[in-house]
Amino acid sequence: MNSRTFEPLIARTRTIHRPVGPVAYDCVKLIIVRSGSAILYSEFGQRPATVGDVILLGANVLCGSEPEGHVTVTTIYADTDFLLDQLFWQHADVLHDRLDAQGFADTIYTDPAQVLHLGEDRAGLLMPWLDEMVALSVEGAYRERFHRMQALWFSVIDQVTPFIRITPYRISPQQRARIRPTLPRDRRFAPLRTEAHLVHDALHSDIARSWALPELASMAHLSVKQLSRVFTDAYGKTPAAYLTMLRVQEMARLLRETDLPVATAGRRVGWGSRNQATKAFREGVGITPSRYRAMGAAGVASPIIETSATT
């Protein structure tokens, strides 16, 4: 999450006056609304968010917002492996080892984006902890203040967890990977495999190309089945779903920064028709390209922190 040093937890506070996004991060985001309000758009469609609300976003989930005047938020960026490790220790009485944590997360967390209504009073309890987390993050003293940072994180998540929706039914890994990642993301406690990184770089290099899974598998010297498993373990989505996410992000940029018609913008990023582009955009962002362009007339802000999701 940080190009200089790796920190599994980062907190930032910012006031937003212009529309933001859509953008996806390769981490879990916890966004606490401190003042003002905004309309969020993501896979859940459009939702209002105001003081006392907390937005929980899984890794590689597109989300944007349109402030209603202004909105001030504190955002916590949390590494997914870091969260899975905590999930294991939380449920160590029923899990055999850390690798079991990913399967357990698959079972109970399938909602990629949630708006949690804590209320102003309960959310107010978080503010001193959030301010201290932001101060420590800005100082870049995570290692030196590791235990304090952990204490603050646990205080915050202890108040938020009772509001997180648990899914009572199971979605298979194959279904989930084709559609959307879990929350936290399904990811192994292992280094990123070279094959996954190779395909990741290929997709980023030419998002408009009609990539075929057998072609990508041959590039990585894996079978199609192996590639799907290896890539999903690394990025929480199949190559096809990940490519769709990249195309939506680039199409959003074209809608913001150019006067290209929706159909033309869609073709630029690799979709063959306006209908195909509109459907993919709406499924990923929650609003139509035309609605997004209308919002962008006011100017769309850039994300405050760059993460490995776009590197």
Protein backbone atom coordinates (compact mmCIF):
# COMPACT_ATOMS: atom_id res chain seq x y z
CA MET A 1 0.00 0.00 0.00
CA ASN A 2 2.98 2.26 0.41
CA SER A 3 5.75 2.42 -2.19
CA ARG A 4 8.43 3.08 0.44
CA THR A 5 7.62 0.62 3.19
CA PHE A 6 4.99 -2.04 3.67
CA GLU A 7 2.43 -1.27 6.35
CA PRO A 8 -0.55 -3.63 6.75
CA LEU A 9 -2.60 -0.79 8.27
CA ILE A 10 -2.82 2.80 7.06
CA ALA A 11 -5.37 5.45 8.09
CA ARG A 12 -6.07 8.76 6.37
CA THR A 13 -8.63 11.55 6.90
CA ARG A 14 -9.76 13.75 4.04
CA THR A 15 -12.60 16.11 3.10
CA ILE A 16 -14.06 15.52 -0.36
CA HIS A 17 -15.90 18.17 -2.35
CA ARG A 18 -16.00 16.53 -5.79
CA PRO A 19 -17.12 13.12 -7.09
CA VAL A 20 -14.58 10.33 -6.62
CA GLY A 21 -13.97 7.11 -8.47
CA PRO A 22 -14.79 4.49 -9.34
CA VAL A 23 -11.55 2.93 -8.14
CA ALA A 24 -10.57 -0.46 -6.72
CA TYR A 25 -7.91 -1.18 -4.12
CA ASP A 26 -5.95 -4.37 -3.47
CA CYS A 27 -6.87 -4.26 0.21
CA VAL A 28 -9.91 -4.05 2.46
CA LYS A 29 -11.16 -0.50 3.12
CA LEU A 30 -13.08 0.69 6.16
CA ILE A 31 -14.47 4.19 5.54
CA ILE A 32 -16.00 6.10 8.45
CA VAL A 33 -18.15 9.15 7.63
CA ARG A 34 -17.30 11.95 10.07
CA SER A 35 -19.32 14.86 8.65
CA GLY A 36 -21.38 15.68 5.59
CA SER A 37 -22.93 13.09 3.30
CA ALA A 38 -22.46 11.43 -0.07
CA ILE A 39 -24.08 9.08 -2.55
CA LEU A 40 -22.01 5.91 -2.96
CA TYR A 41 -22.06 3.77 -6.07
CA SER A 42 -20.68 0.25 -6.21
CA GLU A 43 -21.90 -3.29 -6.84
CA PHE A 44 -24.82 -2.59 -4.50
CA GLY A 45 -26.04 0.22 -6.78
CA GLN A 46 -26.47 3.69 -5.26
CA ARG A 47 -26.64 4.17 -1.49
CA PRO A 48 -26.64 7.29 0.69
CA ALA A 49 -23.98 7.56 3.39
CA THR A 50 -23.98 10.10 6.18
CA VAL A 51 -22.54 10.74 9.65
CA GLY A 52 -22.57 7.53 11.66
CA ASP A 53 -22.19 5.27 8.62
CA VAL A 54 -19.25 2.98 7.92
CA ILE A 55 -18.52 1.61 4.45
CA LEU A 56 -16.79 -1.76 4.25
CA LEU A 57 -15.22 -2.64 0.88
CA GLY A 58 -13.50 -5.87 -0.08
CA ALA A 59 -10.34 -6.01 -2.14
CA ASN A 60 -10.64 -5.33 -5.86
CA VAL A 61 -14.16 -3.91 -5.48
CA LEU A 62 -14.96 -0.80 -7.50
CA CYS A 63 -16.58 2.05 -5.58
CA GLY A 64 -17.06 5.76 -6.09
CA SER A 65 -18.93 8.59 -4.40
CA GLU A 66 -20.65 11.91 -5.06
CA PRO A 67 -20.51 14.28 -2.06
CA GLU A 68 -23.64 16.23 -1.23
CA GLY A 69 -21.75 19.46 -0.72
CA HIS A 70 -18.90 17.84 1.16
CA VAL A 71 -18.09 14.70 3.09
CA THR A 72 -15.25 14.13 5.55
CA VAL A 73 -14.11 10.55 6.03
CA THR A 74 -11.40 8.57 7.74
CA THR A 75 -10.36 5.54 5.71
CA ILE A 76 -8.47 2.55 7.07
CA TYR A 77 -6.64 0.49 4.45
CA ALA A 78 -6.03 -3.07 5.73
CA ASP A 79 -4.00 -5.79 4.03
CA THR A 80 -6.12 -8.87 3.35
CA ASP A 81 -3.57 -11.41 4.58
CA PHE A 82 -3.29 -9.39 7.78
CA LEU A 83 -7.06 -9.69 8.27
CA LEU A 84 -7.16 -13.39 7.46
CA ASP A 85 -4.44 -13.99 10.01
CA GLN A 86 -6.58 -12.26 12.64
CA LEU A 87 -9.62 -14.26 11.56
CA PHE A 88 -7.69 -17.47 12.18
CA TRP A 89 -6.72 -16.50 15.72
CA GLN A 90 -10.25 -15.31 16.44
CA HIS A 91 -11.60 -18.74 15.50
CA ALA A 92 -8.59 -20.87 16.43
CA ASP A 93 -10.87 -23.15 18.45
CA VAL A 94 -12.54 -24.41 15.26
CA LEU A 95 -9.84 -23.90 12.61
CA HIS A 96 -6.96 -26.32 12.23
CA ASP A 97 -4.39 -23.92 10.74
CA ARG A 98 -4.08 -20.56 9.01
CA LEU A 99 -4.92 -21.99 5.60
CA ASP A 100 -8.36 -22.90 6.96
CA ALA A 101 -9.07 -19.22 7.54
CA GLN A 102 -9.62 -18.54 3.85
CA GLY A 103 -12.26 -21.27 3.57
CA PHE A 104 -13.94 -20.02 6.72
CA ALA A 105 -14.02 -16.47 5.31
CA ASP A 106 -15.49 -17.82 2.08
CA THR A 107 -18.35 -19.32 4.08
CA ILE A 108 -19.41 -16.28 6.07
CA TYR A 109 -18.28 -13.24 4.05
CA THR A 110 -19.59 -13.02 0.49
CA ASP A 111 -20.85 -9.43 0.37
CA PRO A 112 -18.15 -7.36 -1.36
CA ALA A 113 -19.49 -3.97 -0.26
CA GLN A 114 -21.58 -3.01 2.75
CA VAL A 115 -22.88 0.23 4.25
CA LEU A 116 -23.09 -0.21 8.02
CA HIS A 117 -25.32 2.13 10.02
CA LEU A 118 -23.60 2.51 13.39
CA GLY A 119 -25.34 5.75 14.29
CA GLU A 120 -23.74 9.03 15.32
CA ASP A 121 -23.25 8.13 18.99
CA ARG A 122 -21.49 4.82 18.39
CA ALA A 123 -19.45 6.20 15.49
CA GLY A 124 -18.45 9.09 17.75
CA LEU A 125 -16.68 6.60 20.02
CA LEU A 126 -14.32 5.80 17.13
CA MET A 127 -13.07 9.34 16.52
CA PRO A 128 -10.23 9.54 19.08
CA TRP A 129 -8.92 6.14 17.97
CA LEU A 130 -9.17 7.10 14.31
CA ASP A 131 -7.34 10.39 14.87
CA GLU A 132 -4.50 8.59 16.61
CA MET A 133 -4.32 5.95 13.86
CA VAL A 134 -4.06 8.71 11.26
CA ALA A 135 -1.33 10.47 13.23
CA LEU A 136 0.71 7.27 13.53
CA SER A 137 0.20 6.51 9.82
CA VAL A 138 1.37 9.97 8.79
CA GLU A 139 4.42 9.64 11.01
CA GLY A 140 5.25 6.33 9.31
CA ALA A 141 6.17 4.76 12.63
CA TYR A 142 4.19 1.56 12.22
CA ARG A 143 7.00 -0.76 13.31
CA GLU A 144 7.97 1.37 16.29
CA ARG A 145 4.36 1.83 17.38
CA PHE A 146 3.15 -1.60 16.26
CA HIS A 147 1.37 -2.54 19.47
CA ARG A 148 -0.39 0.80 19.80
CA MET A 149 -1.54 0.60 16.18
CA GLN A 150 -2.92 -2.88 16.84
CA ALA A 151 -4.72 -1.70 19.96
CA LEU A 152 -6.37 1.14 18.05
CA TRP A 153 -7.40 -1.14 15.19
CA PHE A 154 -8.91 -3.68 17.56
CA SER A 155 -10.83 -0.92 19.36
CA VAL A 156 -12.31 0.29 16.07
CA ILE A 157 -13.16 -3.10 14.60
CA ASP A 158 -14.66 -4.26 17.91
CA GLN A 159 -17.33 -1.57 17.53
CA VAL A 160 -17.87 -2.23 13.80
CA THR A 161 -17.96 -6.04 13.70
CA PRO A 162 -21.46 -6.47 15.21
CA PHE A 163 -22.88 -4.56 12.24
CA ILE A 164 -21.19 -6.60 9.51
CA ARG A 165 -23.64 -8.81 7.66
CA ILE A 166 -22.80 -12.51 7.71
CA THR A 167 -23.95 -14.58 4.75
CA PRO A 168 -25.96 -17.63 5.88
CA TYR A 169 -25.31 -19.59 2.69
CA ARG A 170 -22.15 -20.61 0.90
CA ILE A 171 -21.06 -19.49 -2.56
CA SER A 172 -18.59 -21.83 -4.21
CA PRO A 173 -15.07 -20.52 -4.93
CA GLN A 174 -15.74 -20.88 -8.67
CA GLN A 175 -18.93 -18.79 -8.52
CA ARG A 176 -17.33 -16.18 -6.29
CA ALA A 177 -14.20 -15.79 -8.39
CA ARG A 178 -16.22 -15.27 -11.57
CA ILE A 179 -18.46 -12.67 -9.97
CA ARG A 180 -16.70 -10.87 -7.11
CA PRO A 181 -14.20 -11.42 -4.29
CA THR A 182 -15.06 -12.34 -0.75
CA LEU A 183 -14.62 -10.01 2.17
CA PRO A 184 -11.86 -10.56 3.16
CA ARG A 185 -10.52 -11.75 -0.15
CA ASP A 186 -9.74 -15.45 -0.69
CA ARG A 187 -5.95 -15.46 -0.69
CA ARG A 188 -3.36 -18.00 0.38
CA PHE A 189 -0.73 -17.38 3.04
CA ALA A 190 2.04 -17.76 0.47
CA PRO A 191 4.19 -15.54 -1.76
CA LEU A 192 2.62 -14.32 -4.99
CA ARG A 193 3.37 -16.85 -7.69
CA THR A 194 5.38 -15.68 -10.70
CA GLU A 195 2.76 -17.03 -13.10
CA ALA A 196 0.01 -14.90 -11.54
CA HIS A 197 2.18 -11.79 -11.67
CA LEU A 198 3.04 -12.48 -15.32
CA VAL A 199 -0.64 -12.66 -16.32
CA HIS A 200 -1.45 -9.63 -14.16
CA ASP A 201 1.16 -7.57 -16.05
CA ALA A 202 -0.10 -8.83 -19.42
CA LEU A 203 -3.67 -7.76 -18.65
CA HIS A 204 -2.53 -4.33 -17.47
CA SER A 205 -0.39 -3.86 -20.59
CA ASP A 206 -3.30 -4.15 -23.03
CA ILE A 207 -6.76 -4.09 -21.48
CA ALA A 208 -8.49 -3.67 -24.85
CA ARG A 209 -7.14 -6.93 -26.19
CA SER A 210 -9.51 -9.89 -26.41
CA TRP A 211 -7.49 -12.07 -24.08
CA ALA A 212 -8.37 -15.77 -24.24
CA LEU A 213 -7.82 -17.91 -21.17
CA PRO A 214 -5.89 -20.59 -23.12
CA GLU A 215 -3.58 -17.85 -24.43
CA LEU A 216 -2.88 -16.57 -20.92
CA ALA A 217 -2.42 -20.11 -19.62
CA SER A 218 0.11 -20.85 -22.36
CA MET A 219 1.97 -17.64 -21.51
CA ALA A 220 2.22 -18.77 -17.88
CA HIS A 221 3.02 -22.40 -18.82
CA LEU A 222 0.00 -23.63 -16.89
CA SER A 223 -3.21 -25.42 -17.76
CA VAL A 224 -6.36 -23.31 -17.97
CA LYS A 225 -7.61 -24.80 -14.72
CA GLN A 226 -4.30 -24.21 -12.96
CA LEU A 227 -4.13 -20.60 -14.14
CA SER A 228 -7.65 -19.85 -12.89
CA ARG A 229 -6.76 -21.25 -9.48
CA VAL A 230 -3.36 -19.54 -9.23
CA PHE A 231 -4.65 -16.15 -10.39
CA THR A 232 -7.72 -16.26 -8.14
CA ASP A 233 -5.55 -17.17 -5.15
CA ALA A 234 -3.43 -14.08 -5.84
CA TYR A 235 -6.01 -11.48 -6.85
CA GLY A 236 -9.40 -12.74 -5.70
CA LYS A 237 -10.86 -12.75 -9.20
CA THR A 238 -10.49 -14.88 -12.31
CA PRO A 239 -8.43 -13.28 -15.11
CA ALA A 240 -11.65 -12.42 -16.96
CA ALA A 241 -13.26 -10.74 -13.94
CA TYR A 242 -10.03 -8.88 -13.17
CA LEU A 243 -9.81 -7.63 -16.78
CA THR A 244 -13.40 -6.38 -16.54
CA MET A 245 -12.47 -4.39 -13.44
CA LEU A 246 -9.51 -2.78 -15.28
CA ARG A 247 -11.72 -1.91 -18.24
CA VAL A 248 -14.35 -0.29 -16.03
CA GLN A 249 -11.71 1.86 -14.33
CA GLU A 250 -10.26 3.01 -17.67
CA MET A 251 -13.70 3.64 -19.17
CA ALA A 252 -14.54 5.79 -16.16
CA ARG A 253 -11.39 7.82 -16.80
CA LEU A 254 -12.34 8.32 -20.46
CA LEU A 255 -15.84 9.44 -19.49
CA ARG A 256 -14.34 11.95 -17.05
CA GLU A 257 -11.55 13.32 -19.18
CA THR A 258 -12.86 13.17 -22.76
CA ASP A 259 -16.02 13.82 -24.76
CA LEU A 260 -16.02 10.36 -26.33
CA PRO A 261 -19.47 8.79 -26.73
CA VAL A 262 -20.17 5.91 -24.36
CA ALA A 263 -19.99 3.37 -27.20
CA THR A 264 -16.61 4.73 -28.35
CA ALA A 265 -15.20 4.74 -24.81
CA GLY A 266 -16.40 1.16 -24.42
CA ARG A 267 -14.67 0.10 -27.64
CA ARG A 268 -11.46 1.83 -26.55
CA VAL A 269 -11.24 -0.43 -23.52
CA GLY A 270 -12.20 -3.61 -25.36
CA TRP A 271 -15.99 -3.98 -25.42
CA GLY A 272 -17.66 -4.53 -28.77
CA SER A 273 -20.93 -2.68 -28.22
CA ARG A 274 -22.51 0.06 -26.16
CA ASN A 275 -24.84 -2.46 -24.52
CA GLN A 276 -21.95 -4.67 -23.46
CA ALA A 277 -20.01 -1.71 -22.09
CA THR A 278 -23.04 -0.28 -20.26
CA LYS A 279 -23.92 -3.62 -18.68
CA ALA A 280 -20.36 -4.26 -17.44
CA PHE A 281 -20.00 -0.69 -16.18
CA ARG A 282 -23.28 -0.76 -14.29
CA GLU A 283 -22.55 -4.16 -12.72
CA GLY A 284 -19.14 -2.97 -11.53
CA VAL A 285 -19.96 0.57 -10.48
CA GLY A 286 -23.67 0.52 -9.70
CA ILE A 287 -24.63 3.35 -12.07
CA THR A 288 -24.81 3.75 -15.85
CA PRO A 289 -22.00 5.38 -17.85
CA SER A 290 -24.33 8.27 -18.72
CA ARG A 291 -25.13 8.90 -15.05
CA TYR A 292 -21.44 8.72 -14.20
CA ARG A 293 -20.56 11.22 -16.93
CA ALA A 294 -23.19 13.63 -15.64
CA MET A 295 -21.62 13.41 -12.18
CA GLY A 296 -18.19 13.96 -13.68
CA ALA A 297 -19.24 17.32 -15.06
CA ALA A 298 -18.39 18.67 -11.60
CA GLY A 299 -14.94 17.11 -11.76
CA VAL A 300 -13.91 13.78 -10.29
CA ALA A 301 -11.20 13.66 -7.63
CA SER A 302 -8.38 11.14 -7.69
CA PRO A 303 -7.88 8.56 -4.93
CA ILE A 304 -5.71 9.78 -2.07
CA ILE A 305 -3.55 6.67 -1.76
CA GLU A 306 -2.08 4.50 -4.51
CA THR A 307 -2.10 0.77 -3.83
CA SER A 308 -0.85 -2.40 -5.44
CA ALA A 309 -4.23 -2.84 -7.12
CA THR A 310 -3.02 -0.61 -9.93
CA THR A 311 0.63 -1.58 -10.02
